[in-house]
């Protein structure tokens, strides 16, 4: 009798233990189901735990919830893109032959491009005879403080402002006499190349609309008192 009771008791405990294990497994399955994406839709199979959703990776920027996705390298700049900023290029440099002539044969130094412009109708009017160098278009300071001051004053007893007699080198490397002064245009004074400008323009085929570049440079000259002074000179080419 006792053996039968023990057998029944043991079977009962084993049955309850199996039941509890089944319940625990069901609970785990239910939790996994609830935590998985798509459980709201009964027609969608739940995604297994720990499975990585590739779309979620792209949205979140992480892989497996740990390391960030490496960004794609930037595409090379489109050299033909008109919106890209154009940097200064070597073509703005003075032609090599002209630079060598100025620096080696004329002893010139401090060569710098001061302006690039299209010749206007007023630049080419023979009754005015002058090439304007508007301050807003000039790229660098090319005059000394002494020259600036001198051009803004009139010599005693004269009506016109002072000027500088100088030279301008053309594309054929010929040195042409010219005068540099301030010209009254409207209510403002503008730096201009005058006096021999008309003959220079004819000699080099300059016309309204011609694009030109003008450089300044310096040469050391001795004055009547044998004092060496730095003199302002110019060079011009059409492009």
C-alpha atoms as a PDB file:
ATOM      1  CA  UNK A   1       0.000   0.000   0.000  1.00  0.00           C
ATOM      2  CA  UNK A   2       2.759   2.341   0.972  1.00  0.00           C
ATOM      3  CA  UNK A   3       4.600   1.544  -2.222  1.00  0.00           C
ATOM      4  CA  UNK A   4       1.548   2.430  -4.279  1.00  0.00           C
ATOM      5  CA  UNK A   5       1.164   5.811  -2.520  1.00  0.00           C
ATOM      6  CA  UNK A   6       4.798   6.629  -3.069  1.00  0.00           C
ATOM      7  CA  UNK A   7       4.422   5.756  -6.741  1.00  0.00           C
ATOM      8  CA  UNK A   8       1.354   7.959  -7.112  1.00  0.00           C
ATOM      9  CA  UNK A   9       2.972  10.822  -5.248  1.00  0.00           C
ATOM     10  CA  UNK A  10       6.095  10.621  -7.398  1.00  0.00           C
ATOM     11  CA  UNK A  11       4.052  10.563 -10.587  1.00  0.00           C
ATOM     12  CA  UNK A  12       2.062  13.609  -9.440  1.00  0.00           C
ATOM     13  CA  UNK A  13       5.158  15.619  -8.700  1.00  0.00           C
ATOM     14  CA  UNK A  14       6.671  14.666 -12.062  1.00  0.00           C
ATOM     15  CA  UNK A  15       3.474  15.676 -13.866  1.00  0.00           C
ATOM     16  CA  UNK A  16       3.386  19.071 -12.098  1.00  0.00           C
ATOM     17  CA  UNK A  17       7.049  19.672 -12.911  1.00  0.00           C
ATOM     18  CA  UNK A  18       6.425  18.954 -16.597  1.00  0.00           C
ATOM     19  CA  UNK A  19       3.401  21.252 -16.523  1.00  0.00           C
ATOM     20  CA  UNK A  20       5.434  24.099 -15.019  1.00  0.00           C
ATOM     21  CA  UNK A  21       8.123  23.696 -17.659  1.00  0.00           C
ATOM     22  CA  UNK A  22       5.517  23.871 -20.409  1.00  0.00           C
ATOM     23  CA  UNK A  23       3.978  27.025 -18.881  1.00  0.00           C
ATOM     24  CA  UNK A  24       7.402  28.681 -18.633  1.00  0.00           C
ATOM     25  CA  UNK A  25       8.146  27.919 -22.241  1.00  0.00           C
ATOM     26  CA  UNK A  26       4.792  29.358 -23.281  1.00  0.00           C
ATOM     27  CA  UNK A  27       5.476  32.534 -21.299  1.00  0.00           C
ATOM     28  CA  UNK A  28       8.873  32.966 -22.939  1.00  0.00           C
ATOM     29  CA  UNK A  29       7.364  32.456 -26.363  1.00  0.00           C
ATOM     30  CA  UNK A  30       4.664  35.033 -25.606  1.00  0.00           C
ATOM     31  CA  UNK A  31       7.228  37.599 -24.414  1.00  0.00           C
ATOM     32  CA  UNK A  32       9.360  37.019 -27.489  1.00  0.00           C
ATOM     33  CA  UNK A  33       6.317  37.431 -29.699  1.00  0.00           C
ATOM     34  CA  UNK A  34       5.274  40.706 -28.067  1.00  0.00           C
ATOM     35  CA  UNK A  35       8.790  42.153 -28.268  1.00  0.00           C
ATOM     36  CA  UNK A  36       9.200  41.282 -31.953  1.00  0.00           C
ATOM     37  CA  UNK A  37       8.297  43.804 -34.726  1.00  0.00           C
ATOM     38  CA  UNK A  38       5.117  42.958 -36.599  1.00  0.00           C
ATOM     39  CA  UNK A  39       3.291  41.323 -33.712  1.00  0.00           C
ATOM     40  CA  UNK A  40       0.459  43.795 -34.195  1.00  0.00           C
ATOM     41  CA  UNK A  41      -0.344  42.206 -37.551  1.00  0.00           C
ATOM     42  CA  UNK A  42      -1.513  38.606 -37.027  1.00  0.00           C
ATOM     43  CA  UNK A  43      -0.791  37.839 -40.686  1.00  0.00           C
ATOM     44  CA  UNK A  44       2.879  38.854 -40.315  1.00  0.00           C
ATOM     45  CA  UNK A  45       5.342  36.339 -39.006  1.00  0.00           C
ATOM     46  CA  UNK A  46       7.120  37.702 -35.962  1.00  0.00           C
ATOM     47  CA  UNK A  47      10.777  38.461 -36.456  1.00  0.00           C
ATOM     48  CA  UNK A  48      12.985  36.163 -34.394  1.00  0.00           C
ATOM     49  CA  UNK A  49      14.867  37.671 -31.485  1.00  0.00           C
ATOM     50  CA  UNK A  50      18.345  39.138 -32.204  1.00  0.00           C
ATOM     51  CA  UNK A  51      17.700  39.273 -35.951  1.00  0.00           C
ATOM     52  CA  UNK A  52      18.999  42.515 -37.477  1.00  0.00           C
ATOM     53  CA  UNK A  53      16.600  44.484 -39.638  1.00  0.00           C
ATOM     54  CA  UNK A  54      18.710  45.847 -42.531  1.00  0.00           C
ATOM     55  CA  UNK A  55      16.319  48.745 -43.114  1.00  0.00           C
ATOM     56  CA  UNK A  56      16.562  49.677 -39.440  1.00  0.00           C
ATOM     57  CA  UNK A  57      20.369  49.713 -39.793  1.00  0.00           C
ATOM     58  CA  UNK A  58      20.186  52.269 -42.559  1.00  0.00           C
ATOM     59  CA  UNK A  59      17.754  54.426 -40.614  1.00  0.00           C
ATOM     60  CA  UNK A  60      19.528  54.330 -37.291  1.00  0.00           C
ATOM     61  CA  UNK A  61      23.083  54.528 -38.524  1.00  0.00           C
ATOM     62  CA  UNK A  62      24.296  51.615 -36.427  1.00  0.00           C
ATOM     63  CA  UNK A  63      25.107  47.966 -37.100  1.00  0.00           C
ATOM     64  CA  UNK A  64      23.869  45.370 -34.603  1.00  0.00           C
ATOM     65  CA  UNK A  65      23.182  48.188 -32.175  1.00  0.00           C
ATOM     66  CA  UNK A  66      26.910  48.743 -31.575  1.00  0.00           C
ATOM     67  CA  UNK A  67      29.216  50.378 -34.116  1.00  0.00           C
ATOM     68  CA  UNK A  68      28.222  53.279 -36.426  1.00  0.00           C
ATOM     69  CA  UNK A  69      27.965  52.725 -40.157  1.00  0.00           C
ATOM     70  CA  UNK A  70      30.961  54.100 -42.009  1.00  0.00           C
ATOM     71  CA  UNK A  71      29.881  57.033 -44.152  1.00  0.00           C
ATOM     72  CA  UNK A  72      30.338  56.766 -47.872  1.00  0.00           C
ATOM     73  CA  UNK A  73      33.349  58.816 -49.062  1.00  0.00           C
ATOM     74  CA  UNK A  74      32.384  62.124 -50.727  1.00  0.00           C
ATOM     75  CA  UNK A  75      32.167  62.066 -54.486  1.00  0.00           C
ATOM     76  CA  UNK A  76      34.958  63.865 -56.335  1.00  0.00           C
ATOM     77  CA  UNK A  77      34.252  67.527 -57.078  1.00  0.00           C
ATOM     78  CA  UNK A  78      32.825  68.130 -60.504  1.00  0.00           C
ATOM     79  CA  UNK A  79      35.343  70.358 -62.224  1.00  0.00           C
ATOM     80  CA  UNK A  80      32.671  71.436 -64.708  1.00  0.00           C
ATOM     81  CA  UNK A  81      30.249  72.574 -61.993  1.00  0.00           C
ATOM     82  CA  UNK A  82      29.648  76.295 -62.638  1.00  0.00           C
ATOM     83  CA  UNK A  83      28.589  76.798 -59.024  1.00  0.00           C
ATOM     84  CA  UNK A  84      31.993  75.865 -57.683  1.00  0.00           C
ATOM     85  CA  UNK A  85      34.244  78.711 -56.758  1.00  0.00           C
ATOM     86  CA  UNK A  86      36.913  79.321 -59.371  1.00  0.00           C
ATOM     87  CA  UNK A  87      40.328  79.904 -57.866  1.00  0.00           C
ATOM     88  CA  UNK A  88      42.925  82.264 -59.366  1.00  0.00           C
ATOM     89  CA  UNK A  89      44.907  80.472 -62.062  1.00  0.00           C
ATOM     90  CA  UNK A  90      48.345  80.820 -63.559  1.00  0.00           C
ATOM     91  CA  UNK A  91      47.016  82.573 -66.678  1.00  0.00           C
ATOM     92  CA  UNK A  92      46.766  85.758 -64.614  1.00  0.00           C
ATOM     93  CA  UNK A  93      50.551  85.791 -64.395  1.00  0.00           C
ATOM     94  CA  UNK A  94      52.464  88.096 -66.678  1.00  0.00           C
ATOM     95  CA  UNK A  95      53.638  86.353 -69.866  1.00  0.00           C
ATOM     96  CA  UNK A  96      57.030  84.798 -69.165  1.00  0.00           C
ATOM     97  CA  UNK A  97      58.799  86.603 -71.999  1.00  0.00           C
ATOM     98  CA  UNK A  98      57.528  89.971 -70.789  1.00  0.00           C
ATOM     99  CA  UNK A  99      58.409  89.235 -67.157  1.00  0.00           C
ATOM    100  CA  UNK A 100      61.938  88.189 -68.106  1.00  0.00           C
ATOM    101  CA  UNK A 101      62.377  91.325 -70.211  1.00  0.00           C
ATOM    102  CA  UNK A 102      61.194  93.580 -67.382  1.00  0.00           C
ATOM    103  CA  UNK A 103      63.106  91.904 -64.549  1.00  0.00           C
ATOM    104  CA  UNK A 104      66.341  90.997 -66.352  1.00  0.00           C
ATOM    105  CA  UNK A 105      66.802  93.679 -69.001  1.00  0.00           C
ATOM    106  CA  UNK A 106      65.022  96.620 -67.430  1.00  0.00           C
ATOM    107  CA  UNK A 107      65.923  95.855 -63.826  1.00  0.00           C
ATOM    108  CA  UNK A 108      62.272  95.863 -62.828  1.00  0.00           C
ATOM    109  CA  UNK A 109      60.939  94.496 -59.564  1.00  0.00           C
ATOM    110  CA  UNK A 110      57.718  94.307 -57.528  1.00  0.00           C
ATOM    111  CA  UNK A 111      55.764  93.174 -60.589  1.00  0.00           C
ATOM    112  CA  UNK A 112      52.059  92.862 -59.817  1.00  0.00           C
ATOM    113  CA  UNK A 113      48.835  92.754 -61.788  1.00  0.00           C
ATOM    114  CA  UNK A 114      46.725  95.729 -60.797  1.00  0.00           C
ATOM    115  CA  UNK A 115      43.619  95.442 -62.969  1.00  0.00           C
ATOM    116  CA  UNK A 116      41.764  93.329 -65.536  1.00  0.00           C
ATOM    117  CA  UNK A 117      39.007  95.014 -67.489  1.00  0.00           C
ATOM    118  CA  UNK A 118      37.152  95.324 -70.782  1.00  0.00           C
ATOM    119  CA  UNK A 119      37.896  98.586 -72.533  1.00  0.00           C
ATOM    120  CA  UNK A 120      34.867 100.843 -72.445  1.00  0.00           C
ATOM    121  CA  UNK A 121      33.646 103.292 -75.056  1.00  0.00           C
ATOM    122  CA  UNK A 122      35.001 106.185 -72.983  1.00  0.00           C
ATOM    123  CA  UNK A 123      38.397 104.454 -72.757  1.00  0.00           C
ATOM    124  CA  UNK A 124      38.527 104.507 -76.551  1.00  0.00           C
ATOM    125  CA  UNK A 125      37.233 108.005 -77.238  1.00  0.00           C
ATOM    126  CA  UNK A 126      40.051 109.825 -78.965  1.00  0.00           C
ATOM    127  CA  UNK A 127      38.835 113.207 -77.719  1.00  0.00           C
ATOM    128  CA  UNK A 128      39.458 112.034 -74.142  1.00  0.00           C
ATOM    129  CA  UNK A 129      42.544 109.906 -74.684  1.00  0.00           C
ATOM    130  CA  UNK A 130      42.726 108.035 -71.405  1.00  0.00           C
ATOM    131  CA  UNK A 131      42.516 104.563 -69.869  1.00  0.00           C
ATOM    132  CA  UNK A 132      40.714 104.624 -66.529  1.00  0.00           C
ATOM    133  CA  UNK A 133      41.854 102.420 -63.630  1.00  0.00           C
ATOM    134  CA  UNK A 134      38.827 102.554 -61.280  1.00  0.00           C
ATOM    135  CA  UNK A 135      39.775 102.078 -57.656  1.00  0.00           C
ATOM    136  CA  UNK A 136      37.044  99.467 -57.070  1.00  0.00           C
ATOM    137  CA  UNK A 137      38.610  97.299 -59.797  1.00  0.00           C
ATOM    138  CA  UNK A 138      42.229  97.701 -58.728  1.00  0.00           C
ATOM    139  CA  UNK A 139      43.460  94.559 -56.981  1.00  0.00           C
ATOM    140  CA  UNK A 140      46.519  95.849 -55.120  1.00  0.00           C
ATOM    141  CA  UNK A 141      48.016  99.047 -53.793  1.00  0.00           C
ATOM    142  CA  UNK A 142      50.729  99.933 -56.283  1.00  0.00           C
ATOM    143  CA  UNK A 143      51.557 103.552 -55.440  1.00  0.00           C
ATOM    144  CA  UNK A 144      53.692 104.850 -52.610  1.00  0.00           C
ATOM    145  CA  UNK A 145      52.208 107.257 -50.076  1.00  0.00           C
ATOM    146  CA  UNK A 146      54.400 109.982 -51.546  1.00  0.00           C
ATOM    147  CA  UNK A 147      53.030 109.380 -55.058  1.00  0.00           C
ATOM    148  CA  UNK A 148      49.450 109.369 -53.794  1.00  0.00           C
ATOM    149  CA  UNK A 149      49.973 112.669 -52.042  1.00  0.00           C
ATOM    150  CA  UNK A 150      51.704 114.254 -55.009  1.00  0.00           C
ATOM    151  CA  UNK A 151      48.941 113.313 -57.478  1.00  0.00           C
ATOM    152  CA  UNK A 152      46.268 114.880 -55.255  1.00  0.00           C
ATOM    153  CA  UNK A 153      47.861 118.324 -55.321  1.00  0.00           C
ATOM    154  CA  UNK A 154      48.424 120.997 -57.917  1.00  0.00           C
ATOM    155  CA  UNK A 155      51.765 122.555 -58.566  1.00  0.00           C
ATOM    156  CA  UNK A 156      51.940 126.200 -57.597  1.00  0.00           C
ATOM    157  CA  UNK A 157      50.352 128.401 -60.236  1.00  0.00           C
ATOM    158  CA  UNK A 158      48.916 125.530 -62.322  1.00  0.00           C
ATOM    159  CA  UNK A 159      45.289 124.557 -62.839  1.00  0.00           C
ATOM    160  CA  UNK A 160      45.772 120.791 -63.364  1.00  0.00           C
ATOM    161  CA  UNK A 161      46.658 118.176 -60.790  1.00  0.00           C
ATOM    162  CA  UNK A 162      50.179 116.840 -60.756  1.00  0.00           C
ATOM    163  CA  UNK A 163      51.071 113.833 -62.899  1.00  0.00           C
ATOM    164  CA  UNK A 164      53.831 111.276 -63.299  1.00  0.00           C
ATOM    165  CA  UNK A 165      55.638 110.907 -66.608  1.00  0.00           C
ATOM    166  CA  UNK A 166      56.282 107.196 -66.972  1.00  0.00           C
ATOM    167  CA  UNK A 167      56.423 104.318 -69.478  1.00  0.00           C
ATOM    168  CA  UNK A 168      54.202 101.383 -70.429  1.00  0.00           C
ATOM    169  CA  UNK A 169      55.493  98.120 -71.921  1.00  0.00           C
ATOM    170  CA  UNK A 170      53.405  96.630 -74.732  1.00  0.00           C
ATOM    171  CA  UNK A 171      53.035  93.010 -75.816  1.00  0.00           C
ATOM    172  CA  UNK A 172      55.954  93.444 -78.261  1.00  0.00           C
ATOM    173  CA  UNK A 173      58.133  94.479 -75.280  1.00  0.00           C
ATOM    174  CA  UNK A 174      58.486  97.990 -76.644  1.00  0.00           C
ATOM    175  CA  UNK A 175      58.649 100.736 -73.997  1.00  0.00           C
ATOM    176  CA  UNK A 176      56.126 103.508 -74.730  1.00  0.00           C
ATOM    177  CA  UNK A 177      55.975 106.912 -73.001  1.00  0.00           C
ATOM    178  CA  UNK A 178      52.740 107.648 -71.138  1.00  0.00           C
ATOM    179  CA  UNK A 179      51.492 109.848 -68.317  1.00  0.00           C
ATOM    180  CA  UNK A 180      49.795 108.750 -65.090  1.00  0.00           C
ATOM    181  CA  UNK A 181      47.443 111.126 -63.303  1.00  0.00           C
ATOM    182  CA  UNK A 182      44.067 111.591 -61.666  1.00  0.00           C
ATOM    183  CA  UNK A 183      41.170 112.439 -63.980  1.00  0.00           C
ATOM    184  CA  UNK A 184      37.991 114.159 -62.807  1.00  0.00           C
ATOM    185  CA  UNK A 185      35.031 111.942 -63.724  1.00  0.00           C
ATOM    186  CA  UNK A 186      31.755 113.322 -62.442  1.00  0.00           C
ATOM    187  CA  UNK A 187      32.456 114.276 -58.830  1.00  0.00           C
ATOM    188  CA  UNK A 188      35.329 111.866 -58.285  1.00  0.00           C
ATOM    189  CA  UNK A 189      38.923 111.606 -59.378  1.00  0.00           C
ATOM    190  CA  UNK A 190      39.988 108.362 -61.066  1.00  0.00           C
ATOM    191  CA  UNK A 191      43.530 107.185 -61.769  1.00  0.00           C
ATOM    192  CA  UNK A 192      44.175 107.158 -65.508  1.00  0.00           C
ATOM    193  CA  UNK A 193      46.861 106.587 -68.119  1.00  0.00           C
ATOM    194  CA  UNK A 194      46.778 109.605 -70.436  1.00  0.00           C
ATOM    195  CA  UNK A 195      48.665 111.695 -72.975  1.00  0.00           C
ATOM    196  CA  UNK A 196      50.003 108.950 -75.311  1.00  0.00           C
ATOM    197  CA  UNK A 197      47.148 106.513 -74.702  1.00  0.00           C
ATOM    198  CA  UNK A 198      45.493 106.993 -78.119  1.00  0.00           C
ATOM    199  CA  UNK A 199      48.651 106.163 -80.054  1.00  0.00           C
ATOM    200  CA  UNK A 200      49.328 103.178 -77.780  1.00  0.00           C
ATOM    201  CA  UNK A 201      45.809 101.809 -78.344  1.00  0.00           C
ATOM    202  CA  UNK A 202      46.154 102.128 -82.121  1.00  0.00           C
ATOM    203  CA  UNK A 203      49.572 100.484 -82.168  1.00  0.00           C
ATOM    204  CA  UNK A 204      48.337  97.405 -80.302  1.00  0.00           C
ATOM    205  CA  UNK A 205      44.899  97.082 -81.933  1.00  0.00           C
ATOM    206  CA  UNK A 206      42.864  97.882 -78.825  1.00  0.00           C
ATOM    207  CA  UNK A 207      39.133  98.452 -79.285  1.00  0.00           C
ATOM    208  CA  UNK A 208      35.962  98.846 -77.232  1.00  0.00           C
ATOM    209  CA  UNK A 209      35.285  95.494 -75.562  1.00  0.00           C
ATOM    210  CA  UNK A 210      38.909  94.311 -75.733  1.00  0.00           C
ATOM    211  CA  UNK A 211      39.884  92.617 -72.482  1.00  0.00           C
ATOM    212  CA  UNK A 212      43.215  93.756 -71.093  1.00  0.00           C
ATOM    213  CA  UNK A 213      45.407  93.200 -68.066  1.00  0.00           C
ATOM    214  CA  UNK A 214      47.603  95.922 -66.652  1.00  0.00           C
ATOM    215  CA  UNK A 215      50.605  95.361 -64.403  1.00  0.00           C
ATOM    216  CA  UNK A 216      52.706  97.790 -62.426  1.00  0.00           C
ATOM    217  CA  UNK A 217      56.371  97.406 -61.585  1.00  0.00           C
ATOM    218  CA  UNK A 218      59.259  99.422 -60.231  1.00  0.00           C
ATOM    219  CA  UNK A 219      62.662 100.424 -61.591  1.00  0.00           C
ATOM    220  CA  UNK A 220      65.429 102.337 -59.860  1.00  0.00           C
ATOM    221  CA  UNK A 221      66.406 105.529 -61.689  1.00  0.00           C
ATOM    222  CA  UNK A 222      68.822 108.332 -60.864  1.00  0.00           C
ATOM    223  CA  UNK A 223      67.436 111.859 -60.870  1.00  0.00           C
ATOM    224  CA  UNK A 224      69.195 115.078 -61.855  1.00  0.00           C
ATOM    225  CA  UNK A 225      70.840 115.166 -58.439  1.00  0.00           C
ATOM    226  CA  UNK A 226      72.191 111.615 -58.895  1.00  0.00           C
ATOM    227  CA  UNK A 227      69.777 110.313 -56.265  1.00  0.00           C
ATOM    228  CA  UNK A 228      68.398 106.829 -56.890  1.00  0.00           C
ATOM    229  CA  UNK A 229      64.594 106.709 -56.750  1.00  0.00           C
ATOM    230  CA  UNK A 230      62.048 103.943 -57.241  1.00  0.00           C
ATOM    231  CA  UNK A 231      59.987 104.876 -60.301  1.00  0.00           C
ATOM    232  CA  UNK A 232      56.530 103.550 -61.232  1.00  0.00           C
ATOM    233  CA  UNK A 233      56.138 101.779 -64.578  1.00  0.00           C
ATOM    234  CA  UNK A 234      53.327  99.857 -66.320  1.00  0.00           C
ATOM    235  CA  UNK A 235      52.804  96.945 -68.722  1.00  0.00           C
ATOM    236  CA  UNK A 236      49.681  95.962 -70.685  1.00  0.00           C
ATOM    237  CA  UNK A 237      48.597  92.964 -72.762  1.00  0.00           C
ATOM    238  CA  UNK A 238      45.250  92.101 -74.325  1.00  0.00           C
ATOM    239  CA  UNK A 239      43.741  88.669 -73.636  1.00  0.00           C
END
